[in-house]
Amino acid sequence: MNMNNSNPTSPTEAYASISADEFEEHIPKINSVTLVGRIGQDPQPRYFDDGKVVLRLGLAVKRKYHPLERQVRKIKYGEEETDWFNLELWGRDAEYASKYVVKGARVGITGTLQVDAWTDRMTKEEKSSVKIVVKQLDILETRAEAELRQNRQGSYNPNNNQYGGNSGGSGGSGGNDNGDGPSSAGTGGFFDD
């Protein structure tokens, strides 16, 4: 084995010789957000003249703490902070959510983070807003869980069309075998508050 190499630089020297732009070309750029929480208001889709539809929702996500962290920070159960995220859904996902999701529904979303920036017309001040453009929405409660939650809130209406009237109730943007609505997956209480 010949130890004489035509390039005697060490890996550290090789990395040092790469410019910042060259180095960043090799780093994947990932913009992905995954959250589980509860919808903050009933969906109200907005239809445009060209047929496109958009749905903007708020998602409440309760912060979870390790028991030791709770003890150090003196946080009691039920006193957790809630973070609110602005969601934006387009097209079929927006129509699906407006049909099957109601205020308080537990959902999981995956999407991308987007920052909108503009200048206020009145104050000429630069403003910005952060939102999550949803690529996938999953309903994480069964029809029975939704009915129980709505009964506790005093707003259960057996005639509402949530979950398409099927006996299952949880799932993603797909439907069950008979096309009535989302298929049943259940959570086993894992995401219960």
C-alpha atoms as a PDB file:
ATOM      1  CA  MET A   1       0.000   0.000   0.000  1.00  0.00           C
ATOM      2  CA  ASN A   2       1.454   3.315  -1.066  1.00  0.00           C
ATOM      3  CA  MET A   3       1.133   6.028   1.589  1.00  0.00           C
ATOM      4  CA  ASN A   4       2.236   8.765  -0.769  1.00  0.00           C
ATOM      5  CA  ASN A   5      -0.909  10.480  -1.911  1.00  0.00           C
ATOM      6  CA  SER A   6      -1.157  13.134  -4.603  1.00  0.00           C
ATOM      7  CA  ASN A   7      -3.446  15.153  -2.304  1.00  0.00           C
ATOM      8  CA  PRO A   8      -1.824  15.296   1.155  1.00  0.00           C
ATOM      9  CA  THR A   9      -4.452  17.616   2.718  1.00  0.00           C
ATOM     10  CA  SER A  10      -6.401  16.501   5.759  1.00  0.00           C
ATOM     11  CA  PRO A  11     -10.215  16.516   5.778  1.00  0.00           C
ATOM     12  CA  THR A  12     -10.114  19.651   7.940  1.00  0.00           C
ATOM     13  CA  GLU A  13      -7.942  21.454   5.394  1.00  0.00           C
ATOM     14  CA  ALA A  14     -10.186  20.250   2.568  1.00  0.00           C
ATOM     15  CA  TYR A  15     -13.309  21.651   4.267  1.00  0.00           C
ATOM     16  CA  ALA A  16     -11.516  24.901   5.064  1.00  0.00           C
ATOM     17  CA  SER A  17     -10.723  25.398   1.393  1.00  0.00           C
ATOM     18  CA  ILE A  18     -14.401  25.201   0.380  1.00  0.00           C
ATOM     19  CA  SER A  19     -16.149  28.565   0.209  1.00  0.00           C
ATOM     20  CA  ALA A  20     -19.384  29.149   2.128  1.00  0.00           C
ATOM     21  CA  ASP A  21     -21.435  29.133  -1.094  1.00  0.00           C
ATOM     22  CA  GLU A  22     -19.953  25.810  -2.212  1.00  0.00           C
ATOM     23  CA  PHE A  23     -20.567  24.322   1.216  1.00  0.00           C
ATOM     24  CA  GLU A  24     -24.211  25.443   1.315  1.00  0.00           C
ATOM     25  CA  GLU A  25     -24.869  23.840  -2.072  1.00  0.00           C
ATOM     26  CA  HIS A  26     -24.371  20.448  -0.432  1.00  0.00           C
ATOM     27  CA  ILE A  27     -26.698  21.092   2.512  1.00  0.00           C
ATOM     28  CA  PRO A  28     -30.296  20.095   1.815  1.00  0.00           C
ATOM     29  CA  LYS A  29     -32.790  22.873   2.318  1.00  0.00           C
ATOM     30  CA  ILE A  30     -35.764  21.486   4.190  1.00  0.00           C
ATOM     31  CA  ASN A  31     -38.848  23.493   5.104  1.00  0.00           C
ATOM     32  CA  SER A  32     -41.191  21.078   6.841  1.00  0.00           C
ATOM     33  CA  VAL A  33     -43.537  21.590   9.789  1.00  0.00           C
ATOM     34  CA  THR A  34     -45.523  18.850  11.527  1.00  0.00           C
ATOM     35  CA  LEU A  35     -47.990  19.769  14.280  1.00  0.00           C
ATOM     36  CA  VAL A  36     -50.831  18.189  16.228  1.00  0.00           C
ATOM     37  CA  GLY A  37     -53.429  20.412  17.832  1.00  0.00           C
ATOM     38  CA  ARG A  38     -57.015  21.620  17.823  1.00  0.00           C
ATOM     39  CA  ILE A  39     -58.763  23.836  15.268  1.00  0.00           C
ATOM     40  CA  GLY A  40     -59.608  27.274  16.678  1.00  0.00           C
ATOM     41  CA  GLN A  41     -62.676  28.206  14.608  1.00  0.00           C
ATOM     42  CA  ASP A  42     -65.230  26.713  12.245  1.00  0.00           C
ATOM     43  CA  PRO A  43     -63.933  26.644   8.659  1.00  0.00           C
ATOM     44  CA  GLN A  44     -65.086  29.354   6.263  1.00  0.00           C
ATOM     45  CA  PRO A  45     -63.648  28.677   2.795  1.00  0.00           C
ATOM     46  CA  ARG A  46     -63.125  31.538   0.360  1.00  0.00           C
ATOM     47  CA  TYR A  47     -63.838  30.906  -3.322  1.00  0.00           C
ATOM     48  CA  PHE A  48     -62.229  32.981  -6.070  1.00  0.00           C
ATOM     49  CA  ASP A  49     -63.642  33.835  -9.487  1.00  0.00           C
ATOM     50  CA  ASP A  50     -61.183  31.471 -11.184  1.00  0.00           C
ATOM     51  CA  GLY A  51     -62.538  28.516  -9.153  1.00  0.00           C
ATOM     52  CA  LYS A  52     -59.708  28.309  -6.630  1.00  0.00           C
ATOM     53  CA  VAL A  53     -60.551  27.907  -2.956  1.00  0.00           C
ATOM     54  CA  VAL A  54     -58.537  28.827   0.125  1.00  0.00           C
ATOM     55  CA  LEU A  55     -59.204  28.076   3.775  1.00  0.00           C
ATOM     56  CA  ARG A  56     -57.473  29.857   6.632  1.00  0.00           C
ATOM     57  CA  LEU A  57     -57.624  28.318  10.097  1.00  0.00           C
ATOM     58  CA  GLY A  58     -55.981  28.711  13.471  1.00  0.00           C
ATOM     59  CA  LEU A  59     -54.363  25.703  15.160  1.00  0.00           C
ATOM     60  CA  ALA A  60     -53.921  25.641  18.935  1.00  0.00           C
ATOM     61  CA  VAL A  61     -51.023  23.471  20.103  1.00  0.00           C
ATOM     62  CA  LYS A  62     -50.606  22.901  23.813  1.00  0.00           C
ATOM     63  CA  ARG A  63     -46.988  22.755  24.978  1.00  0.00           C
ATOM     64  CA  LYS A  64     -45.983  19.476  26.561  1.00  0.00           C
ATOM     65  CA  TYR A  65     -43.490  19.309  29.423  1.00  0.00           C
ATOM     66  CA  HIS A  66     -41.488  16.501  30.975  1.00  0.00           C
ATOM     67  CA  PRO A  67     -42.526  15.897  34.614  1.00  0.00           C
ATOM     68  CA  LEU A  68     -39.132  17.130  35.882  1.00  0.00           C
ATOM     69  CA  GLU A  69     -39.418  20.278  33.780  1.00  0.00           C
ATOM     70  CA  ARG A  70     -42.908  20.846  35.227  1.00  0.00           C
ATOM     71  CA  GLN A  71     -41.471  20.560  38.711  1.00  0.00           C
ATOM     72  CA  VAL A  72     -38.637  23.025  38.047  1.00  0.00           C
ATOM     73  CA  ARG A  73     -40.875  25.545  36.270  1.00  0.00           C
ATOM     74  CA  LYS A  74     -43.741  24.971  38.742  1.00  0.00           C
ATOM     75  CA  ILE A  75     -46.219  24.238  35.927  1.00  0.00           C
ATOM     76  CA  LYS A  76     -49.360  22.408  37.028  1.00  0.00           C
ATOM     77  CA  TYR A  77     -51.276  20.095  34.739  1.00  0.00           C
ATOM     78  CA  GLY A  78     -53.884  22.108  32.841  1.00  0.00           C
ATOM     79  CA  GLU A  79     -51.794  25.303  33.041  1.00  0.00           C
ATOM     80  CA  GLU A  80     -49.700  24.606  29.949  1.00  0.00           C
ATOM     81  CA  GLU A  81     -49.143  27.419  27.465  1.00  0.00           C
ATOM     82  CA  THR A  82     -50.867  27.240  24.097  1.00  0.00           C
ATOM     83  CA  ASP A  83     -49.182  28.294  20.862  1.00  0.00           C
ATOM     84  CA  TRP A  84     -51.347  29.428  17.935  1.00  0.00           C
ATOM     85  CA  PHE A  85     -50.393  28.794  14.318  1.00  0.00           C
ATOM     86  CA  ASN A  86     -52.004  30.233  11.194  1.00  0.00           C
ATOM     87  CA  LEU A  87     -52.827  27.531   8.628  1.00  0.00           C
ATOM     88  CA  GLU A  88     -53.600  27.959   4.947  1.00  0.00           C
ATOM     89  CA  LEU A  89     -55.108  25.184   2.814  1.00  0.00           C
ATOM     90  CA  TRP A  90     -55.783  25.293  -0.923  1.00  0.00           C
ATOM     91  CA  GLY A  91     -57.892  23.323  -3.399  1.00  0.00           C
ATOM     92  CA  ARG A  92     -59.248  19.901  -2.507  1.00  0.00           C
ATOM     93  CA  ASP A  93     -57.608  19.992   0.933  1.00  0.00           C
ATOM     94  CA  ALA A  94     -59.455  23.237   1.696  1.00  0.00           C
ATOM     95  CA  GLU A  95     -62.780  21.784   0.555  1.00  0.00           C
ATOM     96  CA  TYR A  96     -62.174  18.565   2.529  1.00  0.00           C
ATOM     97  CA  ALA A  97     -61.332  20.481   5.708  1.00  0.00           C
ATOM     98  CA  SER A  98     -64.316  22.818   5.342  1.00  0.00           C
ATOM     99  CA  LYS A  99     -66.601  19.795   5.049  1.00  0.00           C
ATOM    100  CA  TYR A 100     -65.201  17.543   7.810  1.00  0.00           C
ATOM    101  CA  VAL A 101     -63.361  19.757  10.322  1.00  0.00           C
ATOM    102  CA  VAL A 102     -65.086  21.828  13.002  1.00  0.00           C
ATOM    103  CA  LYS A 103     -63.901  24.062  15.814  1.00  0.00           C
ATOM    104  CA  GLY A 104     -62.153  21.988  18.472  1.00  0.00           C
ATOM    105  CA  ALA A 105     -61.366  19.049  16.185  1.00  0.00           C
ATOM    106  CA  ARG A 106     -58.003  17.391  16.848  1.00  0.00           C
ATOM    107  CA  VAL A 107     -55.926  17.331  13.664  1.00  0.00           C
ATOM    108  CA  GLY A 108     -52.398  16.622  12.549  1.00  0.00           C
ATOM    109  CA  ILE A 109     -50.876  18.695   9.783  1.00  0.00           C
ATOM    110  CA  THR A 110     -47.731  18.655   7.706  1.00  0.00           C
ATOM    111  CA  GLY A 111     -46.773  21.659   5.643  1.00  0.00           C
ATOM    112  CA  THR A 112     -44.236  24.351   4.915  1.00  0.00           C
ATOM    113  CA  LEU A 113     -43.499  27.539   6.788  1.00  0.00           C
ATOM    114  CA  GLN A 114     -44.045  30.716   4.775  1.00  0.00           C
ATOM    115  CA  VAL A 115     -43.471  34.353   5.710  1.00  0.00           C
ATOM    116  CA  ASP A 116     -45.617  37.024   4.055  1.00  0.00           C
ATOM    117  CA  ALA A 117     -44.168  40.552   4.130  1.00  0.00           C
ATOM    118  CA  TRP A 118     -45.889  43.804   3.162  1.00  0.00           C
ATOM    119  CA  THR A 119     -45.908  47.539   3.784  1.00  0.00           C
ATOM    120  CA  ASP A 120     -48.826  48.925   5.786  1.00  0.00           C
ATOM    121  CA  ARG A 121     -50.676  51.454   3.602  1.00  0.00           C
ATOM    122  CA  MET A 122     -51.512  53.771   6.475  1.00  0.00           C
ATOM    123  CA  THR A 123     -48.295  53.778   8.509  1.00  0.00           C
ATOM    124  CA  LYS A 124     -45.865  52.776   5.712  1.00  0.00           C
ATOM    125  CA  GLU A 125     -44.431  50.351   8.267  1.00  0.00           C
ATOM    126  CA  GLU A 126     -42.969  47.001   7.157  1.00  0.00           C
ATOM    127  CA  LYS A 127     -45.018  44.094   8.516  1.00  0.00           C
ATOM    128  CA  SER A 128     -44.816  40.342   8.286  1.00  0.00           C
ATOM    129  CA  SER A 129     -46.903  37.320   9.116  1.00  0.00           C
ATOM    130  CA  VAL A 130     -45.931  33.658   9.430  1.00  0.00           C
ATOM    131  CA  LYS A 131     -48.227  30.896   8.229  1.00  0.00           C
ATOM    132  CA  ILE A 132     -48.086  27.197   7.518  1.00  0.00           C
ATOM    133  CA  VAL A 133     -49.180  26.167   4.034  1.00  0.00           C
ATOM    134  CA  VAL A 134     -50.707  22.756   4.729  1.00  0.00           C
ATOM    135  CA  LYS A 135     -49.755  19.886   2.419  1.00  0.00           C
ATOM    136  CA  GLN A 136     -51.453  17.128   4.448  1.00  0.00           C
ATOM    137  CA  LEU A 137     -54.263  17.231   7.008  1.00  0.00           C
ATOM    138  CA  ASP A 138     -55.279  14.237   9.129  1.00  0.00           C
ATOM    139  CA  ILE A 139     -58.287  14.168  11.438  1.00  0.00           C
ATOM    140  CA  LEU A 140     -57.064  12.524  14.635  1.00  0.00           C
ATOM    141  CA  GLU A 141     -60.344  11.795  16.367  1.00  0.00           C
ATOM    142  CA  THR A 142     -63.088   9.298  15.673  1.00  0.00           C
ATOM    143  CA  ARG A 143     -66.679  10.323  15.180  1.00  0.00           C
ATOM    144  CA  ALA A 144     -67.444   9.057  18.697  1.00  0.00           C
ATOM    145  CA  GLU A 145     -64.656  11.217  20.164  1.00  0.00           C
ATOM    146  CA  ALA A 146     -65.938  14.246  18.246  1.00  0.00           C
ATOM    147  CA  GLU A 147     -69.487  13.680  19.475  1.00  0.00           C
ATOM    148  CA  LEU A 148     -68.267  13.292  23.058  1.00  0.00           C
ATOM    149  CA  ARG A 149     -66.222  16.510  22.792  1.00  0.00           C
ATOM    150  CA  GLN A 150     -69.153  18.394  21.273  1.00  0.00           C
ATOM    151  CA  ASN A 151     -71.536  17.062  23.945  1.00  0.00           C
ATOM    152  CA  ARG A 152     -69.162  18.322  26.664  1.00  0.00           C
ATOM    153  CA  GLN A 153     -69.103  21.735  24.968  1.00  0.00           C
ATOM    154  CA  GLY A 154     -72.885  21.715  24.632  1.00  0.00           C
ATOM    155  CA  SER A 155     -72.731  22.120  20.873  1.00  0.00           C
ATOM    156  CA  TYR A 156     -73.436  18.612  19.573  1.00  0.00           C
ATOM    157  CA  ASN A 157     -75.682  18.582  16.529  1.00  0.00           C
ATOM    158  CA  PRO A 158     -76.427  15.077  15.218  1.00  0.00           C
ATOM    159  CA  ASN A 159     -77.394  16.596  11.857  1.00  0.00           C
ATOM    160  CA  ASN A 160     -74.007  18.156  11.171  1.00  0.00           C
ATOM    161  CA  ASN A 161     -72.075  16.560   8.352  1.00  0.00           C
ATOM    162  CA  GLN A 162     -68.816  16.087  10.207  1.00  0.00           C
ATOM    163  CA  TYR A 163     -67.138  12.819   9.154  1.00  0.00           C
ATOM    164  CA  GLY A 164     -69.736  12.240   6.469  1.00  0.00           C
ATOM    165  CA  GLY A 165     -72.090  10.348   8.752  1.00  0.00           C
ATOM    166  CA  ASN A 166     -69.990   7.178   8.804  1.00  0.00           C
ATOM    167  CA  SER A 167     -69.304   5.222  11.938  1.00  0.00           C
ATOM    168  CA  GLY A 168     -65.513   5.574  11.711  1.00  0.00           C
ATOM    169  CA  GLY A 169     -64.306   9.095  11.576  1.00  0.00           C
ATOM    170  CA  SER A 170     -60.589   9.547  11.650  1.00  0.00           C
ATOM    171  CA  GLY A 171     -58.181   9.755   8.818  1.00  0.00           C
ATOM    172  CA  GLY A 172     -56.629  11.918   6.211  1.00  0.00           C
ATOM    173  CA  SER A 173     -57.687  13.555   3.012  1.00  0.00           C
ATOM    174  CA  GLY A 174     -58.677  10.182   1.605  1.00  0.00           C
ATOM    175  CA  GLY A 175     -62.001   8.545   2.223  1.00  0.00           C
ATOM    176  CA  ASN A 176     -63.243   5.190   3.412  1.00  0.00           C
ATOM    177  CA  ASP A 177     -64.269   2.371   1.095  1.00  0.00           C
ATOM    178  CA  ASN A 178     -67.840   3.600   0.548  1.00  0.00           C
ATOM    179  CA  GLY A 179     -66.874   7.248  -0.029  1.00  0.00           C
ATOM    180  CA  ASP A 180     -68.845   8.580   2.948  1.00  0.00           C
ATOM    181  CA  GLY A 181     -65.914  10.454   4.475  1.00  0.00           C
ATOM    182  CA  PRO A 182     -62.682   9.814   6.290  1.00  0.00           C
ATOM    183  CA  SER A 183     -61.822   6.282   7.271  1.00  0.00           C
ATOM    184  CA  SER A 184     -61.467   5.182  10.882  1.00  0.00           C
ATOM    185  CA  ALA A 185     -57.976   4.985  12.310  1.00  0.00           C
ATOM    186  CA  GLY A 186     -58.380   5.942  15.971  1.00  0.00           C
ATOM    187  CA  THR A 187     -55.638   7.160  18.267  1.00  0.00           C
ATOM    188  CA  GLY A 188     -55.987   4.882  21.238  1.00  0.00           C
ATOM    189  CA  GLY A 189     -56.169   7.983  23.421  1.00  0.00           C
ATOM    190  CA  PHE A 190     -52.530   8.828  22.629  1.00  0.00           C
ATOM    191  CA  PHE A 191     -53.296  12.449  21.694  1.00  0.00           C
ATOM    192  CA  ASP A 192     -55.946  13.046  24.358  1.00  0.00           C
ATOM    193  CA  ASP A 193     -55.543  16.252  26.317  1.00  0.00           C
END
